[in-house]
Amino acid sequence: MDSSHEHRDKITIENERGEQLQYTIEALFDMEQQSYALLHSEDDLLLMRIEEEDGEQYLVGIDDPEEAQSVMEAYQIAVEAAPADKH
């Protein structure tokens, strides 16, 4: 029985309209001295930068489409090079 998807961490994000949406943390990874979080919900996939200030971590949206695309491409290459165990 594969239960890996059942135990992933969840996070609540408030969108620009003030709605609180539940996301599952799909992956956390670093690229070019930045940390990123890949989040998904039933309807959406989000890539966010993790920033730290005064010892607290915050998720920040990525406004630069080129940054988002290069991070997603690098993530995809890494996943293909080292796929997760499929027990």
PDB file of N, CA and C in Angstrom:
ATOM      1  N   MET A   1       0.831  -1.183   0.000  1.00  0.00           N
ATOM      2  CA  MET A   1       0.000   0.000   0.000  1.00  0.00           C
ATOM      3  C   MET A   1       0.874   1.244   0.000  1.00  0.00           C
ATOM      4  N   ASP A   2       0.682   2.127  -0.948  1.00  0.00           N
ATOM      5  CA  ASP A   2       1.462   3.353  -1.061  1.00  0.00           C
ATOM      6  C   ASP A   2       0.743   4.476  -0.331  1.00  0.00           C
ATOM      7  N   SER A   3       1.302   4.898   0.799  1.00  0.00           N
ATOM      8  CA  SER A   3       0.672   5.954   1.583  1.00  0.00           C
ATOM      9  C   SER A   3       1.486   7.240   1.571  1.00  0.00           C
ATOM     10  N   SER A   4       2.489   7.346   0.683  1.00  0.00           N
ATOM     11  CA  SER A   4       3.359   8.516   0.693  1.00  0.00           C
ATOM     12  C   SER A   4       2.597   9.803   0.419  1.00  0.00           C
ATOM     13  N   HIS A   5       1.580   9.765  -0.421  1.00  0.00           N
ATOM     14  CA  HIS A   5       0.828  10.973  -0.723  1.00  0.00           C
ATOM     15  C   HIS A   5      -0.105  11.365   0.415  1.00  0.00           C
ATOM     16  N   GLU A   6      -0.480  10.424   1.260  1.00  0.00           N
ATOM     17  CA  GLU A   6      -1.412  10.703   2.341  1.00  0.00           C
ATOM     18  C   GLU A   6      -0.766  11.472   3.478  1.00  0.00           C
ATOM     19  N   HIS A   7       0.562  11.442   3.592  1.00  0.00           N
ATOM     20  CA  HIS A   7       1.248  12.033   4.742  1.00  0.00           C
ATOM     21  C   HIS A   7       2.038  13.283   4.383  1.00  0.00           C
ATOM     22  N   ARG A   8       1.785  13.871   3.261  1.00  0.00           N
ATOM     23  CA  ARG A   8       2.496  15.087   2.897  1.00  0.00           C
ATOM     24  C   ARG A   8       1.970  16.258   3.706  1.00  0.00           C
ATOM     25  N   ASP A   9       2.863  17.211   3.972  1.00  0.00           N
ATOM     26  CA  ASP A   9       2.489  18.388   4.748  1.00  0.00           C
ATOM     27  C   ASP A   9       1.541  19.274   3.950  1.00  0.00           C
ATOM     28  N   LYS A  10       0.639  19.902   4.668  1.00  0.00           N
ATOM     29  CA  LYS A  10      -0.334  20.814   4.071  1.00  0.00           C
ATOM     30  C   LYS A  10      -0.046  22.227   4.567  1.00  0.00           C
ATOM     31  N   ILE A  11      -0.427  23.197   3.750  1.00  0.00           N
ATOM     32  CA  ILE A  11      -0.231  24.598   4.095  1.00  0.00           C
ATOM     33  C   ILE A  11      -1.438  25.381   3.600  1.00  0.00           C
ATOM     34  N   THR A  12      -1.817  26.415   4.335  1.00  0.00           N
ATOM     35  CA  THR A  12      -2.925  27.270   3.923  1.00  0.00           C
ATOM     36  C   THR A  12      -2.347  28.599   3.453  1.00  0.00           C
ATOM     37  N   ILE A  13      -2.762  29.021   2.260  1.00  0.00           N
ATOM     38  CA  ILE A  13      -2.285  30.265   1.669  1.00  0.00           C
ATOM     39  C   ILE A  13      -3.480  31.162   1.410  1.00  0.00           C
ATOM     40  N   GLU A  14      -3.313  32.438   1.749  1.00  0.00           N
ATOM     41  CA  GLU A  14      -4.362  33.410   1.467  1.00  0.00           C
ATOM     42  C   GLU A  14      -4.049  34.072   0.135  1.00  0.00           C
ATOM     43  N   ASN A  15      -5.005  34.018  -0.796  1.00  0.00           N
ATOM     44  CA  ASN A  15      -4.775  34.614  -2.114  1.00  0.00           C
ATOM     45  C   ASN A  15      -5.071  36.112  -2.083  1.00  0.00           C
ATOM     46  N   GLU A  16      -4.919  36.743  -3.243  1.00  0.00           N
ATOM     47  CA  GLU A  16      -5.092  38.200  -3.327  1.00  0.00           C
ATOM     48  C   GLU A  16      -6.525  38.648  -3.041  1.00  0.00           C
ATOM     49  N   ARG A  17      -7.489  37.754  -3.104  1.00  0.00           N
ATOM     50  CA  ARG A  17      -8.889  38.070  -2.797  1.00  0.00           C
ATOM     51  C   ARG A  17      -9.247  37.772  -1.340  1.00  0.00           C
ATOM     52  N   GLY A  18      -8.243  37.366  -0.544  1.00  0.00           N
ATOM     53  CA  GLY A  18      -8.481  37.094   0.865  1.00  0.00           C
ATOM     54  C   GLY A  18      -9.031  35.699   1.141  1.00  0.00           C
ATOM     55  N   GLU A  19      -9.111  34.853   0.106  1.00  0.00           N
ATOM     56  CA  GLU A  19      -9.605  33.486   0.284  1.00  0.00           C
ATOM     57  C   GLU A  19      -8.462  32.609   0.782  1.00  0.00           C
ATOM     58  N   GLN A  20      -8.752  31.739   1.738  1.00  0.00           N
ATOM     59  CA  GLN A  20      -7.747  30.816   2.238  1.00  0.00           C
ATOM     60  C   GLN A  20      -7.879  29.490   1.493  1.00  0.00           C
ATOM     61  N   LEU A  21      -6.777  29.079   0.886  1.00  0.00           N
ATOM     62  CA  LEU A  21      -6.755  27.870   0.072  1.00  0.00           C
ATOM     63  C   LEU A  21      -5.759  26.878   0.651  1.00  0.00           C
ATOM     64  N   GLN A  22      -6.110  25.601   0.632  1.00  0.00           N
ATOM     65  CA  GLN A  22      -5.267  24.535   1.165  1.00  0.00           C
ATOM     66  C   GLN A  22      -4.404  23.951   0.043  1.00  0.00           C
ATOM     67  N   TYR A  23      -3.101  23.854   0.300  1.00  0.00           N
ATOM     68  CA  TYR A  23      -2.159  23.263  -0.648  1.00  0.00           C
ATOM     69  C   TYR A  23      -1.364  22.165   0.041  1.00  0.00           C
ATOM     70  N   THR A  24      -0.909  21.211  -0.750  1.00  0.00           N
ATOM     71  CA  THR A  24      -0.006  20.165  -0.285  1.00  0.00           C
ATOM     72  C   THR A  24       1.395  20.544  -0.736  1.00  0.00           C
ATOM     73  N   ILE A  25       2.380  20.378   0.146  1.00  0.00           N
ATOM     74  CA  ILE A  25       3.768  20.658  -0.220  1.00  0.00           C
ATOM     75  C   ILE A  25       4.289  19.468  -1.012  1.00  0.00           C
ATOM     76  N   GLU A  26       4.484  19.687  -2.283  1.00  0.00           N
ATOM     77  CA  GLU A  26       4.955  18.638  -3.188  1.00  0.00           C
ATOM     78  C   GLU A  26       6.472  18.472  -3.084  1.00  0.00           C
ATOM     79  N   ALA A  27       7.193  19.607  -2.988  1.00  0.00           N
ATOM     80  CA  ALA A  27       8.653  19.539  -2.933  1.00  0.00           C
ATOM     81  C   ALA A  27       9.213  20.835  -2.362  1.00  0.00           C
ATOM     82  N   LEU A  28      10.348  20.717  -1.689  1.00  0.00           N
ATOM     83  CA  LEU A  28      11.149  21.849  -1.232  1.00  0.00           C
ATOM     84  C   LEU A  28      12.538  21.636  -1.804  1.00  0.00           C
ATOM     85  N   PHE A  29      13.105  22.660  -2.441  1.00  0.00           N
ATOM     86  CA  PHE A  29      14.412  22.485  -3.058  1.00  0.00           C
ATOM     87  C   PHE A  29      15.121  23.826  -3.192  1.00  0.00           C
ATOM     88  N   ASP A  30      16.444  23.759  -3.417  1.00  0.00           N
ATOM     89  CA  ASP A  30      17.281  24.949  -3.570  1.00  0.00           C
ATOM     90  C   ASP A  30      17.818  25.017  -4.991  1.00  0.00           C
ATOM     91  N   MET A  31      17.960  26.256  -5.467  1.00  0.00           N
ATOM     92  CA  MET A  31      18.556  26.491  -6.787  1.00  0.00           C
ATOM     93  C   MET A  31      19.150  27.892  -6.792  1.00  0.00           C
ATOM     94  N   GLU A  32      20.419  27.992  -7.180  1.00  0.00           N
ATOM     95  CA  GLU A  32      21.109  29.275  -7.289  1.00  0.00           C
ATOM     96  C   GLU A  32      20.937  30.121  -6.023  1.00  0.00           C
ATOM     97  N   GLN A  33      21.254  29.554  -4.880  1.00  0.00           N
ATOM     98  CA  GLN A  33      21.210  30.199  -3.570  1.00  0.00           C
ATOM     99  C   GLN A  33      19.827  30.715  -3.174  1.00  0.00           C
ATOM    100  N   GLN A  34      18.781  30.154  -3.749  1.00  0.00           N
ATOM    101  CA  GLN A  34      17.403  30.461  -3.366  1.00  0.00           C
ATOM    102  C   GLN A  34      16.722  29.144  -2.993  1.00  0.00           C
ATOM    103  N   SER A  35      15.770  29.227  -2.095  1.00  0.00           N
ATOM    104  CA  SER A  35      14.964  28.058  -1.732  1.00  0.00           C
ATOM    105  C   SER A  35      13.570  28.231  -2.304  1.00  0.00           C
ATOM    106  N   TYR A  36      12.993  27.112  -2.754  1.00  0.00           N
ATOM    107  CA  TYR A  36      11.680  27.142  -3.398  1.00  0.00           C
ATOM    108  C   TYR A  36      10.778  26.056  -2.820  1.00  0.00           C
ATOM    109  N   ALA A  37       9.480  26.294  -2.929  1.00  0.00           N
ATOM    110  CA  ALA A  37       8.473  25.313  -2.543  1.00  0.00           C
ATOM    111  C   ALA A  37       7.548  25.105  -3.737  1.00  0.00           C
ATOM    112  N   LEU A  38       7.299  23.848  -4.061  1.00  0.00           N
ATOM    113  CA  LEU A  38       6.333  23.500  -5.095  1.00  0.00           C
ATOM    114  C   LEU A  38       5.097  22.981  -4.373  1.00  0.00           C
ATOM    115  N   LEU A  39       3.975  23.655  -4.568  1.00  0.00           N
ATOM    116  CA  LEU A  39       2.735  23.359  -3.859  1.00  0.00           C
ATOM    117  C   LEU A  39       1.661  22.976  -4.856  1.00  0.00           C
ATOM    118  N   HIS A  40       0.746  22.095  -4.442  1.00  0.00           N
ATOM    119  CA  HIS A  40      -0.376  21.792  -5.326  1.00  0.00           C
ATOM    120  C   HIS A  40      -1.658  21.639  -4.527  1.00  0.00           C
ATOM    121  N   SER A  41      -2.746  21.941  -5.228  1.00  0.00           N
ATOM    122  CA  SER A  41      -4.091  21.722  -4.692  1.00  0.00           C
ATOM    123  C   SER A  41      -4.830  20.919  -5.746  1.00  0.00           C
ATOM    124  N   GLU A  42      -6.109  20.719  -5.551  1.00  0.00           N
ATOM    125  CA  GLU A  42      -6.884  19.987  -6.554  1.00  0.00           C
ATOM    126  C   GLU A  42      -6.903  20.716  -7.890  1.00  0.00           C
ATOM    127  N   ASP A  43      -6.843  22.055  -7.859  1.00  0.00           N
ATOM    128  CA  ASP A  43      -7.015  22.851  -9.077  1.00  0.00           C
ATOM    129  C   ASP A  43      -5.789  23.628  -9.509  1.00  0.00           C
ATOM    130  N   ASP A  44      -4.718  23.621  -8.730  1.00  0.00           N
ATOM    131  CA  ASP A  44      -3.643  24.576  -8.975  1.00  0.00           C
ATOM    132  C   ASP A  44      -2.287  23.987  -8.627  1.00  0.00           C
ATOM    133  N   LEU A  45      -1.248  24.528  -9.267  1.00  0.00           N
ATOM    134  CA  LEU A  45       0.133  24.205  -8.962  1.00  0.00           C
ATOM    135  C   LEU A  45       0.854  25.532  -8.774  1.00  0.00           C
ATOM    136  N   LEU A  46       1.522  25.710  -7.641  1.00  0.00           N
ATOM    137  CA  LEU A  46       2.209  26.965  -7.338  1.00  0.00           C
ATOM    138  C   LEU A  46       3.681  26.705  -7.084  1.00  0.00           C
ATOM    139  N   LEU A  47       4.515  27.580  -7.622  1.00  0.00           N
ATOM    140  CA  LEU A  47       5.933  27.596  -7.301  1.00  0.00           C
ATOM    141  C   LEU A  47       6.175  28.894  -6.545  1.00  0.00           C
ATOM    142  N   MET A  48       6.725  28.786  -5.336  1.00  0.00           N
ATOM    143  CA  MET A  48       6.953  29.977  -4.520  1.00  0.00           C
ATOM    144  C   MET A  48       8.380  29.973  -3.991  1.00  0.00           C
ATOM    145  N   ARG A  49       8.926  31.178  -3.826  1.00  0.00           N
ATOM    146  CA  ARG A  49      10.253  31.335  -3.255  1.00  0.00           C
ATOM    147  C   ARG A  49      10.107  31.376  -1.728  1.00  0.00           C
ATOM    148  N   ILE A  50      11.050  30.729  -1.037  1.00  0.00           N
ATOM    149  CA  ILE A  50      11.072  30.757   0.424  1.00  0.00           C
ATOM    150  C   ILE A  50      12.086  31.820   0.833  1.00  0.00           C
ATOM    151  N   GLU A  51      11.621  32.829   1.553  1.00  0.00           N
ATOM    152  CA  GLU A  51      12.504  33.884   2.019  1.00  0.00           C
ATOM    153  C   GLU A  51      12.511  33.882   3.535  1.00  0.00           C
ATOM    154  N   GLU A  52      13.632  34.342   4.105  1.00  0.00           N
ATOM    155  CA  GLU A  52      13.765  34.348   5.559  1.00  0.00           C
ATOM    156  C   GLU A  52      14.049  35.772   6.028  1.00  0.00           C
ATOM    157  N   GLU A  53      13.353  36.157   7.099  1.00  0.00           N
ATOM    158  CA  GLU A  53      13.560  37.469   7.698  1.00  0.00           C
ATOM    159  C   GLU A  53      13.391  37.324   9.202  1.00  0.00           C
ATOM    160  N   ASP A  54      14.381  37.775   9.953  1.00  0.00           N
ATOM    161  CA  ASP A  54      14.352  37.706  11.420  1.00  0.00           C
ATOM    162  C   ASP A  54      14.066  36.287  11.924  1.00  0.00           C
ATOM    163  N   GLY A  55      14.665  35.289  11.264  1.00  0.00           N
ATOM    164  CA  GLY A  55      14.502  33.905  11.684  1.00  0.00           C
ATOM    165  C   GLY A  55      13.185  33.260  11.293  1.00  0.00           C
ATOM    166  N   GLU A  56      12.313  33.985  10.619  1.00  0.00           N
ATOM    167  CA  GLU A  56      11.021  33.457  10.168  1.00  0.00           C
ATOM    168  C   GLU A  56      11.073  33.208   8.663  1.00  0.00           C
ATOM    169  N   GLN A  57      10.428  32.137   8.213  1.00  0.00           N
ATOM    170  CA  GLN A  57      10.368  31.845   6.781  1.00  0.00           C
ATOM    171  C   GLN A  57       9.017  32.256   6.226  1.00  0.00           C
ATOM    172  N   TYR A  58       9.051  32.808   5.006  1.00  0.00           N
ATOM    173  CA  TYR A  58       7.838  33.262   4.321  1.00  0.00           C
ATOM    174  C   TYR A  58       7.828  32.729   2.898  1.00  0.00           C
ATOM    175  N   LEU A  59       6.650  32.424   2.385  1.00  0.00           N
ATOM    176  CA  LEU A  59       6.491  32.064   0.980  1.00  0.00           C
ATOM    177  C   LEU A  59       6.153  33.321   0.203  1.00  0.00           C
ATOM    178  N   VAL A  60       6.867  33.526  -0.908  1.00  0.00           N
ATOM    179  CA  VAL A  60       6.687  34.714  -1.729  1.00  0.00           C
ATOM    180  C   VAL A  60       6.428  34.264  -3.159  1.00  0.00           C
ATOM    181  N   GLY A  61       5.425  34.828  -3.785  1.00  0.00           N
ATOM    182  CA  GLY A  61       5.130  34.515  -5.176  1.00  0.00           C
ATOM    183  C   GLY A  61       6.261  34.952  -6.092  1.00  0.00           C
ATOM    184  N   ILE A  62       6.418  34.270  -7.206  1.00  0.00           N
ATOM    185  CA  ILE A  62       7.461  34.600  -8.185  1.00  0.00           C
ATOM    186  C   ILE A  62       6.805  35.378  -9.315  1.00  0.00           C
ATOM    187  N   ASP A  63       7.192  36.647  -9.445  1.00  0.00           N
ATOM    188  CA  ASP A  63       6.605  37.517 -10.465  1.00  0.00           C
ATOM    189  C   ASP A  63       7.296  37.402 -11.818  1.00  0.00           C
ATOM    190  N   ASP A  64       8.549  36.956 -11.810  1.00  0.00           N
ATOM    191  CA  ASP A  64       9.335  36.874 -13.041  1.00  0.00           C
ATOM    192  C   ASP A  64       9.080  35.537 -13.733  1.00  0.00           C
ATOM    193  N   PRO A  65       8.393  35.556 -14.891  1.00  0.00           N
ATOM    194  CA  PRO A  65       8.093  34.288 -15.575  1.00  0.00           C
ATOM    195  C   PRO A  65       9.351  33.525 -15.991  1.00  0.00           C
ATOM    196  N   GLU A  66      10.445  34.233 -16.303  1.00  0.00           N
ATOM    197  CA  GLU A  66      11.683  33.548 -16.685  1.00  0.00           C
ATOM    198  C   GLU A  66      12.277  32.797 -15.495  1.00  0.00           C
ATOM    199  N   GLU A  67      12.231  33.412 -14.302  1.00  0.00           N
ATOM    200  CA  GLU A  67      12.721  32.731 -13.098  1.00  0.00           C
ATOM    201  C   GLU A  67      11.879  31.486 -12.831  1.00  0.00           C
ATOM    202  N   ALA A  68      10.562  31.631 -12.890  1.00  0.00           N
ATOM    203  CA  ALA A  68       9.677  30.494 -12.633  1.00  0.00           C
ATOM    204  C   ALA A  68       9.935  29.369 -13.626  1.00  0.00           C
ATOM    205  N   GLN A  69      10.089  29.705 -14.898  1.00  0.00           N
ATOM    206  CA  GLN A  69      10.315  28.684 -15.918  1.00  0.00           C
ATOM    207  C   GLN A  69      11.653  27.983 -15.712  1.00  0.00           C
ATOM    208  N   SER A  70      12.715  28.742 -15.421  1.00  0.00           N
ATOM    209  CA  SER A  70      14.024  28.104 -15.251  1.00  0.00           C
ATOM    210  C   SER A  70      14.048  27.221 -14.007  1.00  0.00           C
ATOM    211  N   VAL A  71      13.375  27.631 -12.937  1.00  0.00           N
ATOM    212  CA  VAL A  71      13.317  26.814 -11.726  1.00  0.00           C
ATOM    213  C   VAL A  71      12.536  25.530 -11.993  1.00  0.00           C
ATOM    214  N   MET A  72      11.398  25.640 -12.669  1.00  0.00           N
ATOM    215  CA  MET A  72      10.599  24.444 -12.968  1.00  0.00           C
ATOM    216  C   MET A  72      11.348  23.489 -13.892  1.00  0.00           C
ATOM    217  N   GLU A  73      12.071  24.021 -14.879  1.00  0.00           N
ATOM    218  CA  GLU A  73      12.852  23.163 -15.773  1.00  0.00           C
ATOM    219  C   GLU A  73      13.941  22.431 -15.002  1.00  0.00           C
ATOM    220  N   ALA A  74      14.633  23.140 -14.111  1.00  0.00           N
ATOM    221  CA  ALA A  74      15.687  22.503 -13.312  1.00  0.00           C
ATOM    222  C   ALA A  74      15.096  21.448 -12.378  1.00  0.00           C
ATOM    223  N   TYR A  75      13.944  21.739 -11.796  1.00  0.00           N
ATOM    224  CA  TYR A  75      13.282  20.768 -10.919  1.00  0.00           C
ATOM    225  C   TYR A  75      12.906  19.516 -11.706  1.00  0.00           C
ATOM    226  N   GLN A  76      12.349  19.698 -12.891  1.00  0.00           N
ATOM    227  CA  GLN A  76      11.956  18.557 -13.713  1.00  0.00           C
ATOM    228  C   GLN A  76      13.162  17.695 -14.087  1.00  0.00           C
ATOM    229  N   ILE A  77      14.276  18.323 -14.424  1.00  0.00           N
ATOM    230  CA  ILE A  77      15.501  17.589 -14.751  1.00  0.00           C
ATOM    231  C   ILE A  77      15.968  16.786 -13.537  1.00  0.00           C
ATOM    232  N   ALA A  78      15.917  17.406 -12.347  1.00  0.00           N
ATOM    233  CA  ALA A  78      16.339  16.713 -11.129  1.00  0.00           C
ATOM    234  C   ALA A  78      15.438  15.526 -10.825  1.00  0.00           C
ATOM    235  N   VAL A  79      14.134  15.686 -11.015  1.00  0.00           N
ATOM    236  CA  VAL A  79      13.192  14.589 -10.761  1.00  0.00           C
ATOM    237  C   VAL A  79      13.434  13.438 -11.729  1.00  0.00           C
ATOM    238  N   GLU A  80      13.672  13.773 -12.984  1.00  0.00           N
ATOM    239  CA  GLU A  80      13.929  12.721 -13.978  1.00  0.00           C
ATOM    240  C   GLU A  80      15.241  12.004 -13.707  1.00  0.00           C
ATOM    241  N   ALA A  81      16.241  12.727 -13.174  1.00  0.00           N
ATOM    242  CA  ALA A  81      17.543  12.121 -12.891  1.00  0.00           C
ATOM    243  C   ALA A  81      17.498  11.240 -11.649  1.00  0.00           C
ATOM    244  N   ALA A  82      16.634  11.562 -10.695  1.00  0.00           N
ATOM    245  CA  ALA A  82      16.546  10.799  -9.440  1.00  0.00           C
ATOM    246  C   ALA A  82      15.079  10.638  -9.048  1.00  0.00           C
ATOM    247  N   PRO A  83      14.344   9.794  -9.751  1.00  0.00           N
ATOM    248  CA  PRO A  83      12.923   9.627  -9.423  1.00  0.00           C
ATOM    249  C   PRO A  83      12.716   9.087  -8.013  1.00  0.00           C
ATOM    250  N   ALA A  84      11.604   9.452  -7.423  1.00  0.00           N
ATOM    251  CA  ALA A  84      11.262   8.983  -6.075  1.00  0.00           C
ATOM    252  C   ALA A  84      10.992   7.486  -6.105  1.00  0.00           C
ATOM    253  N   ASP A  85      11.198   6.853  -4.946  1.00  0.00           N
ATOM    254  CA  ASP A  85      10.900   5.425  -4.838  1.00  0.00           C
ATOM    255  C   ASP A  85       9.425   5.185  -5.123  1.00  0.00           C
ATOM    256  N   LYS A  86       9.146   4.119  -5.820  1.00  0.00           N
ATOM    257  CA  LYS A  86       7.749   3.771  -6.146  1.00  0.00           C
ATOM    258  C   LYS A  86       7.456   2.392  -5.608  1.00  0.00           C
ATOM    259  N   HIS A  87       7.343   2.305  -4.297  1.00  0.00           N
ATOM    260  CA  HIS A  87       7.058   1.018  -3.636  1.00  0.00           C
ATOM    261  C   HIS A  87       5.587   0.730  -3.675  1.00  0.00           C
TER     262      HIS A  87
END
